[in-house]
Structure formats: structure tokens, C-alpha cells
PDB file of N, CA and C in Angstrom:
ATOM      1  N   UNK A   1      -4.341  67.438  47.502  1.00  0.00           N
ATOM      2  CA  UNK A   1      -3.828  67.769  48.729  1.00  0.00           C
ATOM      3  C   UNK A   1      -3.088  66.677  49.097  1.00  0.00           C
ATOM      4  N   UNK A   2      -1.812  66.800  50.008  1.00  0.00           N
ATOM      5  CA  UNK A   2      -0.949  66.022  50.545  1.00  0.00           C
ATOM      6  C   UNK A   2      -1.084  65.333  51.827  1.00  0.00           C
ATOM      7  N   UNK A   3      -1.362  64.239  52.216  1.00  0.00           N
ATOM      8  CA  UNK A   3      -1.370  63.806  53.751  1.00  0.00           C
ATOM      9  C   UNK A   3      -0.259  63.980  54.059  1.00  0.00           C
ATOM     10  N   UNK A   4       0.005  64.139  55.436  1.00  0.00           N
ATOM     11  CA  UNK A   4       1.164  63.937  56.584  1.00  0.00           C
ATOM     12  C   UNK A   4       0.866  62.844  57.324  1.00  0.00           C
ATOM     13  N   UNK A   5       2.141  62.379  57.861  1.00  0.00           N
ATOM     14  CA  UNK A   5       2.462  61.026  58.347  1.00  0.00           C
ATOM     15  C   UNK A   5       1.569  61.430  59.786  1.00  0.00           C
ATOM     16  N   UNK A   6       1.656  62.702  60.440  1.00  0.00           N
ATOM     17  CA  UNK A   6       0.881  62.852  61.691  1.00  0.00           C
ATOM     18  C   UNK A   6      -0.618  62.684  61.614  1.00  0.00           C
ATOM     19  N   UNK A   7      -1.067  63.092  60.483  1.00  0.00           N
ATOM     20  CA  UNK A   7      -2.838  62.898  60.292  1.00  0.00           C
ATOM     21  C   UNK A   7      -3.136  61.523  60.211  1.00  0.00           C
ATOM     22  N   UNK A   8      -2.504  61.050  59.452  1.00  0.00           N
ATOM     23  CA  UNK A   8      -2.566  59.540  58.782  1.00  0.00           C
ATOM     24  C   UNK A   8      -2.462  58.865  60.342  1.00  0.00           C
ATOM     25  N   UNK A   9      -1.355  59.110  61.025  1.00  0.00           N
ATOM     26  CA  UNK A   9      -1.041  58.177  62.346  1.00  0.00           C
ATOM     27  C   UNK A   9      -2.258  58.427  63.144  1.00  0.00           C
ATOM     28  N   UNK A  10      -2.594  59.700  63.290  1.00  0.00           N
ATOM     29  CA  UNK A  10      -3.971  60.091  64.031  1.00  0.00           C
ATOM     30  C   UNK A  10      -5.133  59.290  63.747  1.00  0.00           C
ATOM     31  N   UNK A  11      -5.538  59.172  62.753  1.00  0.00           N
ATOM     32  CA  UNK A  11      -6.572  58.746  62.130  1.00  0.00           C
ATOM     33  C   UNK A  11      -6.495  56.775  62.676  1.00  0.00           C
ATOM     34  N   UNK A  12      -5.028  56.389  62.283  1.00  0.00           N
ATOM     35  CA  UNK A  12      -5.150  54.906  62.486  1.00  0.00           C
ATOM     36  C   UNK A  12      -5.274  54.669  63.966  1.00  0.00           C
ATOM     37  N   UNK A  13      -4.742  55.733  64.845  1.00  0.00           N
ATOM     38  CA  UNK A  13      -4.581  55.234  66.337  1.00  0.00           C
ATOM     39  C   UNK A  13      -6.015  55.494  66.580  1.00  0.00           C
ATOM     40  N   UNK A  14      -6.647  56.282  66.213  1.00  0.00           N
ATOM     41  CA  UNK A  14      -8.251  56.583  66.498  1.00  0.00           C
ATOM     42  C   UNK A  14      -9.314  55.276  66.099  1.00  0.00           C
ATOM     43  N   UNK A  15      -8.953  54.863  64.796  1.00  0.00           N
ATOM     44  CA  UNK A  15      -9.616  53.732  64.496  1.00  0.00           C
ATOM     45  C   UNK A  15      -9.197  52.384  64.966  1.00  0.00           C
ATOM     46  N   UNK A  16      -7.732  52.069  65.389  1.00  0.00           N
ATOM     47  CA  UNK A  16      -7.507  51.097  66.003  1.00  0.00           C
ATOM     48  C   UNK A  16      -7.772  51.005  67.863  1.00  0.00           C
ATOM     49  N   UNK A  17      -7.693  52.000  68.160  1.00  0.00           N
ATOM     50  CA  UNK A  17      -8.396  52.190  69.385  1.00  0.00           C
ATOM     51  C   UNK A  17      -9.630  51.750  69.594  1.00  0.00           C
ATOM     52  N   UNK A  18     -10.528  52.157  68.793  1.00  0.00           N
ATOM     53  CA  UNK A  18     -12.111  51.865  68.871  1.00  0.00           C
ATOM     54  C   UNK A  18     -11.873  50.129  68.270  1.00  0.00           C
ATOM     55  N   UNK A  19     -11.175  49.605  67.711  1.00  0.00           N
ATOM     56  CA  UNK A  19     -11.128  47.891  67.139  1.00  0.00           C
ATOM     57  C   UNK A  19     -10.871  47.544  68.447  1.00  0.00           C
ATOM     58  N   UNK A  20      -9.772  47.815  69.308  1.00  0.00           N
ATOM     59  CA  UNK A  20      -9.322  47.253  70.414  1.00  0.00           C
ATOM     60  C   UNK A  20     -10.501  47.411  71.729  1.00  0.00           C
ATOM     61  N   UNK A  21     -11.540  48.686  71.823  1.00  0.00           N
ATOM     62  CA  UNK A  21     -12.589  48.476  72.882  1.00  0.00           C
ATOM     63  C   UNK A  21     -13.637  47.697  72.366  1.00  0.00           C
ATOM     64  N   UNK A  22     -13.660  47.396  70.965  1.00  0.00           N
ATOM     65  CA  UNK A  22     -14.590  46.856  70.554  1.00  0.00           C
ATOM     66  C   UNK A  22     -14.571  45.242  70.263  1.00  0.00           C
ATOM     67  N   UNK A  23     -13.499  44.791  70.284  1.00  0.00           N
ATOM     68  CA  UNK A  23     -12.954  43.515  70.190  1.00  0.00           C
ATOM     69  C   UNK A  23     -13.455  42.598  71.027  1.00  0.00           C
ATOM     70  N   UNK A  24     -14.167  41.268  70.521  1.00  0.00           N
ATOM     71  CA  UNK A  24     -14.430  40.216  71.287  1.00  0.00           C
ATOM     72  C   UNK A  24     -13.527  38.944  70.702  1.00  0.00           C
ATOM     73  N   UNK A  25     -13.230  38.295  71.747  1.00  0.00           N
ATOM     74  CA  UNK A  25     -12.356  37.121  71.505  1.00  0.00           C
ATOM     75  C   UNK A  25     -13.514  35.916  70.847  1.00  0.00           C
ATOM     76  N   UNK A  26     -13.289  35.093  69.743  1.00  0.00           N
ATOM     77  CA  UNK A  26     -13.989  34.192  69.282  1.00  0.00           C
ATOM     78  C   UNK A  26     -13.496  32.719  69.941  1.00  0.00           C
ATOM     79  N   UNK A  27     -14.250  31.817  70.123  1.00  0.00           N
ATOM     80  CA  UNK A  27     -13.841  30.601  70.451  1.00  0.00           C
ATOM     81  C   UNK A  27     -13.974  29.805  68.843  1.00  0.00           C
ATOM     82  N   UNK A  28     -12.851  29.154  68.826  1.00  0.00           N
ATOM     83  CA  UNK A  28     -12.282  28.420  67.775  1.00  0.00           C
ATOM     84  C   UNK A  28     -11.863  27.187  67.950  1.00  0.00           C
ATOM     85  N   UNK A  29     -12.090  26.644  66.536  1.00  0.00           N
ATOM     86  CA  UNK A  29     -11.384  25.120  66.617  1.00  0.00           C
ATOM     87  C   UNK A  29      -9.706  25.147  66.783  1.00  0.00           C
ATOM     88  N   UNK A  30      -9.222  26.254  66.331  1.00  0.00           N
ATOM     89  CA  UNK A  30      -7.895  26.233  66.162  1.00  0.00           C
ATOM     90  C   UNK A  30      -7.121  26.292  67.407  1.00  0.00           C
ATOM     91  N   UNK A  31      -6.078  25.223  67.388  1.00  0.00           N
ATOM     92  CA  UNK A  31      -5.315  25.076  68.296  1.00  0.00           C
ATOM     93  C   UNK A  31      -4.183  26.242  68.821  1.00  0.00           C
ATOM     94  N   UNK A  32      -4.923  27.017  69.199  1.00  0.00           N
ATOM     95  CA  UNK A  32      -4.309  28.510  69.965  1.00  0.00           C
ATOM     96  C   UNK A  32      -4.874  28.433  71.037  1.00  0.00           C
ATOM     97  N   UNK A  33      -3.851  28.478  72.287  1.00  0.00           N
ATOM     98  CA  UNK A  33      -3.846  28.550  73.392  1.00  0.00           C
ATOM     99  C   UNK A  33      -4.252  30.227  73.388  1.00  0.00           C
ATOM    100  N   UNK A  34      -5.147  30.107  74.704  1.00  0.00           N
ATOM    101  CA  UNK A  34      -5.756  31.357  74.824  1.00  0.00           C
ATOM    102  C   UNK A  34      -4.885  32.401  75.459  1.00  0.00           C
ATOM    103  N   UNK A  35      -3.672  31.839  76.203  1.00  0.00           N
ATOM    104  CA  UNK A  35      -2.725  32.998  76.394  1.00  0.00           C
ATOM    105  C   UNK A  35      -1.908  33.218  75.458  1.00  0.00           C
ATOM    106  N   UNK A  36      -1.891  32.744  74.468  1.00  0.00           N
ATOM    107  CA  UNK A  36      -1.414  33.279  73.054  1.00  0.00           C
ATOM    108  C   UNK A  36      -1.912  34.236  72.574  1.00  0.00           C
ATOM    109  N   UNK A  37      -3.139  34.237  72.402  1.00  0.00           N
ATOM    110  CA  UNK A  37      -4.281  35.021  71.992  1.00  0.00           C
ATOM    111  C   UNK A  37      -4.114  36.537  73.010  1.00  0.00           C
ATOM    112  N   UNK A  38      -4.190  36.324  74.221  1.00  0.00           N
ATOM    113  CA  UNK A  38      -3.981  37.198  75.329  1.00  0.00           C
ATOM    114  C   UNK A  38      -2.590  38.195  74.793  1.00  0.00           C
ATOM    115  N   UNK A  39      -1.475  37.479  74.820  1.00  0.00           N
ATOM    116  CA  UNK A  39      -0.266  38.018  74.461  1.00  0.00           C
ATOM    117  C   UNK A  39      -0.430  38.761  73.171  1.00  0.00           C
ATOM    118  N   UNK A  40      -0.909  38.389  72.189  1.00  0.00           N
ATOM    119  CA  UNK A  40      -1.198  39.298  70.791  1.00  0.00           C
ATOM    120  C   UNK A  40      -2.194  40.392  71.060  1.00  0.00           C
ATOM    121  N   UNK A  41      -2.908  40.391  71.993  1.00  0.00           N
ATOM    122  CA  UNK A  41      -3.651  41.501  72.138  1.00  0.00           C
ATOM    123  C   UNK A  41      -2.947  42.507  73.059  1.00  0.00           C
ATOM    124  N   UNK A  42      -1.834  42.198  74.003  1.00  0.00           N
ATOM    125  CA  UNK A  42      -1.241  43.149  74.616  1.00  0.00           C
ATOM    126  C   UNK A  42      -0.070  43.764  74.032  1.00  0.00           C
ATOM    127  N   UNK A  43       0.109  42.775  72.721  1.00  0.00           N
ATOM    128  CA  UNK A  43       1.143  43.738  72.053  1.00  0.00           C
ATOM    129  C   UNK A  43       0.362  44.698  71.288  1.00  0.00           C
ATOM    130  N   UNK A  44      -0.722  44.500  70.685  1.00  0.00           N
ATOM    131  CA  UNK A  44      -1.311  45.228  69.900  1.00  0.00           C
ATOM    132  C   UNK A  44      -1.835  46.686  70.748  1.00  0.00           C
ATOM    133  N   UNK A  45      -2.144  46.366  72.014  1.00  0.00           N
ATOM    134  CA  UNK A  45      -2.348  47.688  72.718  1.00  0.00           C
ATOM    135  C   UNK A  45      -1.040  48.231  73.268  1.00  0.00           C
ATOM    136  N   UNK A  46       0.175  47.706  73.181  1.00  0.00           N
ATOM    137  CA  UNK A  46       1.300  48.114  73.579  1.00  0.00           C
ATOM    138  C   UNK A  46       1.572  49.028  72.265  1.00  0.00           C
ATOM    139  N   UNK A  47       1.617  48.260  71.084  1.00  0.00           N
ATOM    140  CA  UNK A  47       1.949  49.226  70.012  1.00  0.00           C
ATOM    141  C   UNK A  47       1.221  50.577  69.858  1.00  0.00           C
ATOM    142  N   UNK A  48      -0.134  50.456  70.135  1.00  0.00           N
ATOM    143  CA  UNK A  48      -1.235  51.235  70.339  1.00  0.00           C
ATOM    144  C   UNK A  48      -0.901  52.294  70.871  1.00  0.00           C
ATOM    145  N   UNK A  49      -0.236  52.350  72.461  1.00  0.00           N
ATOM    146  CA  UNK A  49       0.101  53.212  73.392  1.00  0.00           C
ATOM    147  C   UNK A  49       1.417  54.009  72.585  1.00  0.00           C
ATOM    148  N   UNK A  50       2.447  52.999  72.374  1.00  0.00           N
ATOM    149  CA  UNK A  50       3.333  53.620  71.675  1.00  0.00           C
ATOM    150  C   UNK A  50       3.335  54.419  70.530  1.00  0.00           C
ATOM    151  N   UNK A  51       2.440  54.449  69.826  1.00  0.00           N
ATOM    152  CA  UNK A  51       1.917  55.402  68.517  1.00  0.00           C
ATOM    153  C   UNK A  51       1.564  56.670  69.478  1.00  0.00           C
ATOM    154  N   UNK A  52       0.736  56.690  70.599  1.00  0.00           N
ATOM    155  CA  UNK A  52       0.133  57.685  71.143  1.00  0.00           C
ATOM    156  C   UNK A  52       1.463  58.637  71.475  1.00  0.00           C
ATOM    157  N   UNK A  53       2.333  57.704  72.037  1.00  0.00           N
ATOM    158  CA  UNK A  53       3.504  58.450  72.754  1.00  0.00           C
ATOM    159  C   UNK A  53       4.145  59.131  71.896  1.00  0.00           C
ATOM    160  N   UNK A  54       4.637  58.553  70.596  1.00  0.00           N
ATOM    161  CA  UNK A  54       5.232  58.895  69.224  1.00  0.00           C
ATOM    162  C   UNK A  54       4.757  60.144  68.675  1.00  0.00           C
ATOM    163  N   UNK A  55       3.217  59.957  68.519  1.00  0.00           N
ATOM    164  CA  UNK A  55       2.559  61.037  68.212  1.00  0.00           C
ATOM    165  C   UNK A  55       2.727  62.530  69.003  1.00  0.00           C
ATOM    166  N   UNK A  56       2.643  61.996  70.489  1.00  0.00           N
ATOM    167  CA  UNK A  56       2.484  63.301  71.247  1.00  0.00           C
ATOM    168  C   UNK A  56       3.882  63.983  71.477  1.00  0.00           C
ATOM    169  N   UNK A  57       4.702  63.184  70.647  1.00  0.00           N
ATOM    170  CA  UNK A  57       6.413  63.386  70.914  1.00  0.00           C
ATOM    171  C   UNK A  57       6.693  64.152  69.874  1.00  0.00           C
ATOM    172  N   UNK A  58       5.829  64.180  68.689  1.00  0.00           N
ATOM    173  CA  UNK A  58       5.963  64.773  66.890  1.00  0.00           C
ATOM    174  C   UNK A  58       7.117  63.907  66.514  1.00  0.00           C
ATOM    175  N   UNK A  59       6.486  62.519  66.704  1.00  0.00           N
ATOM    176  CA  UNK A  59       7.557  61.713  65.893  1.00  0.00           C
ATOM    177  C   UNK A  59       6.633  60.828  64.777  1.00  0.00           C
ATOM    178  N   UNK A  60       5.761  61.640  64.214  1.00  0.00           N
ATOM    179  CA  UNK A  60       4.676  60.865  63.254  1.00  0.00           C
ATOM    180  C   UNK A  60       5.175  59.731  62.610  1.00  0.00           C
ATOM    181  N   UNK A  61       6.391  59.684  61.840  1.00  0.00           N
ATOM    182  CA  UNK A  61       6.759  58.250  61.379  1.00  0.00           C
ATOM    183  C   UNK A  61       6.897  57.372  61.908  1.00  0.00           C
ATOM    184  N   UNK A  62       7.366  57.271  63.269  1.00  0.00           N
ATOM    185  CA  UNK A  62       7.565  56.414  64.023  1.00  0.00           C
ATOM    186  C   UNK A  62       5.739  56.180  64.933  1.00  0.00           C
ATOM    187  N   UNK A  63       5.233  56.905  64.902  1.00  0.00           N
ATOM    188  CA  UNK A  63       3.934  56.566  65.366  1.00  0.00           C
ATOM    189  C   UNK A  63       3.138  55.720  64.278  1.00  0.00           C
ATOM    190  N   UNK A  64       3.546  56.473  63.147  1.00  0.00           N
ATOM    191  CA  UNK A  64       2.643  55.380  62.205  1.00  0.00           C
ATOM    192  C   UNK A  64       3.112  53.928  62.129  1.00  0.00           C
ATOM    193  N   UNK A  65       4.431  53.979  62.435  1.00  0.00           N
ATOM    194  CA  UNK A  65       4.807  52.545  62.069  1.00  0.00           C
ATOM    195  C   UNK A  65       4.496  51.592  63.367  1.00  0.00           C
ATOM    196  N   UNK A  66       4.241  52.211  64.382  1.00  0.00           N
ATOM    197  CA  UNK A  66       3.858  51.424  65.846  1.00  0.00           C
ATOM    198  C   UNK A  66       2.148  51.011  65.497  1.00  0.00           C
ATOM    199  N   UNK A  67       1.635  52.060  64.882  1.00  0.00           N
ATOM    200  CA  UNK A  67      -0.057  51.978  64.718  1.00  0.00           C
ATOM    201  C   UNK A  67      -0.250  50.786  63.588  1.00  0.00           C
ATOM    202  N   UNK A  68       0.571  50.770  62.630  1.00  0.00           N
ATOM    203  CA  UNK A  68       0.490  50.115  61.916  1.00  0.00           C
ATOM    204  C   UNK A  68       0.904  48.380  62.045  1.00  0.00           C
ATOM    205  N   UNK A  69       1.841  48.417  62.955  1.00  0.00           N
ATOM    206  CA  UNK A  69       2.175  46.718  63.652  1.00  0.00           C
ATOM    207  C   UNK A  69       0.898  46.095  64.387  1.00  0.00           C
ATOM    208  N   UNK A  70       0.211  47.426  65.454  1.00  0.00           N
ATOM    209  CA  UNK A  70      -0.968  46.881  66.279  1.00  0.00           C
ATOM    210  C   UNK A  70      -2.244  46.694  64.683  1.00  0.00           C
ATOM    211  N   UNK A  71      -2.254  47.375  64.326  1.00  0.00           N
ATOM    212  CA  UNK A  71      -3.510  46.868  63.048  1.00  0.00           C
ATOM    213  C   UNK A  71      -3.198  45.804  62.614  1.00  0.00           C
ATOM    214  N   UNK A  72      -1.839  45.425  62.275  1.00  0.00           N
ATOM    215  CA  UNK A  72      -1.223  44.074  61.498  1.00  0.00           C
ATOM    216  C   UNK A  72      -1.617  42.838  62.483  1.00  0.00           C
ATOM    217  N   UNK A  73      -1.338  43.119  63.821  1.00  0.00           N
ATOM    218  CA  UNK A  73      -1.742  42.015  64.531  1.00  0.00           C
ATOM    219  C   UNK A  73      -3.598  41.907  64.914  1.00  0.00           C
ATOM    220  N   UNK A  74      -3.946  43.118  64.985  1.00  0.00           N
ATOM    221  CA  UNK A  74      -5.356  42.887  65.062  1.00  0.00           C
ATOM    222  C   UNK A  74      -6.103  42.176  63.628  1.00  0.00           C
ATOM    223  N   UNK A  75      -5.562  42.933  62.633  1.00  0.00           N
ATOM    224  CA  UNK A  75      -5.951  41.905  61.190  1.00  0.00           C
ATOM    225  C   UNK A  75      -5.963  40.569  60.865  1.00  0.00           C
ATOM    226  N   UNK A  76      -4.747  40.056  61.701  1.00  0.00           N
ATOM    227  CA  UNK A  76      -4.403  38.727  61.896  1.00  0.00           C
ATOM    228  C   UNK A  76      -5.135  37.908  62.390  1.00  0.00           C
ATOM    229  N   UNK A  77      -5.471  38.568  63.755  1.00  0.00           N
ATOM    230  CA  UNK A  77      -6.547  37.400  64.642  1.00  0.00           C
ATOM    231  C   UNK A  77      -7.947  37.449  63.926  1.00  0.00           C
ATOM    232  N   UNK A  78      -8.325  38.438  63.064  1.00  0.00           N
ATOM    233  CA  UNK A  78      -9.478  38.912  62.506  1.00  0.00           C
ATOM    234  C   UNK A  78      -9.306  37.800  61.431  1.00  0.00           C
ATOM    235  N   UNK A  79      -8.317  37.533  60.674  1.00  0.00           N
ATOM    236  CA  UNK A  79      -8.438  36.667  59.484  1.00  0.00           C
ATOM    237  C   UNK A  79      -8.203  35.413  60.272  1.00  0.00           C
ATOM    238  N   UNK A  80      -7.921  35.040  61.057  1.00  0.00           N
ATOM    239  CA  UNK A  80      -7.701  33.940  61.627  1.00  0.00           C
ATOM    240  C   UNK A  80      -9.017  33.150  62.098  1.00  0.00           C
ATOM    241  N   UNK A  81      -9.945  34.359  62.131  1.00  0.00           N
ATOM    242  CA  UNK A  81     -11.138  34.023  62.894  1.00  0.00           C
ATOM    243  C   UNK A  81     -11.090  33.908  64.670  1.00  0.00           C
ATOM    244  N   UNK A  82      -9.966  34.431  65.260  1.00  0.00           N
ATOM    245  CA  UNK A  82     -10.052  34.352  66.528  1.00  0.00           C
ATOM    246  C   UNK A  82     -10.298  35.583  67.324  1.00  0.00           C
ATOM    247  N   UNK A  83     -10.642  36.390  66.379  1.00  0.00           N
ATOM    248  CA  UNK A  83     -11.345  37.781  67.316  1.00  0.00           C
ATOM    249  C   UNK A  83     -12.724  38.323  66.079  1.00  0.00           C
ATOM    250  N   UNK A  84     -13.320  39.248  66.781  1.00  0.00           N
ATOM    251  CA  UNK A  84     -14.224  39.970  65.972  1.00  0.00           C
ATOM    252  C   UNK A  84     -14.500  41.320  66.378  1.00  0.00           C
ATOM    253  N   UNK A  85     -14.537  42.256  65.734  1.00  0.00           N
ATOM    254  CA  UNK A  85     -14.671  43.904  66.110  1.00  0.00           C
ATOM    255  C   UNK A  85     -16.312  44.423  66.019  1.00  0.00           C
TER     256      UNK A  85
END
């Protein structure tokens, strides 16, 4: 069966939104100011909202690109051990 961009974007939107709700910032020895971490989280939230907007406007490829950016930012925070889900 062939997967559609809209279906994939909707699934990613759901899982990324859940991750954002569950996210907990971690204390770290890394020299990352809290303001930078907060900015990255705001970007992830913004890209998630953009994905929802584009999905609602029936632009699934753009929605998929937006949610992929959001997911990438969250993955980076997790890999740097600055956040957990």
C-alpha cells in the first residue's frame, strides 16, 4: 500500500505534539543557556503549529517538511541530553 504525505504528516504531527506535551528539560553540565533551550523549544512548537496549519490547508508536503523540522529539533535536544520525553 502506498503511503500519502498527508497521512504521514498527520501521524508525525500527533507524535511530535505528544512529545512536546511530555517534554521535560534536563539539568546539564553543557554550557547551553536556558534561553537558548527555550528558543529551540519555541521553534519546535512553531514548526508543529505550522504543520497543522498546512495540513488543514491541504498542503501535506509542506506540512511534512514543517513537522520534520520540529521533530529534528526535539531529537537534537534529546541527543544532547538537554530534554527527555
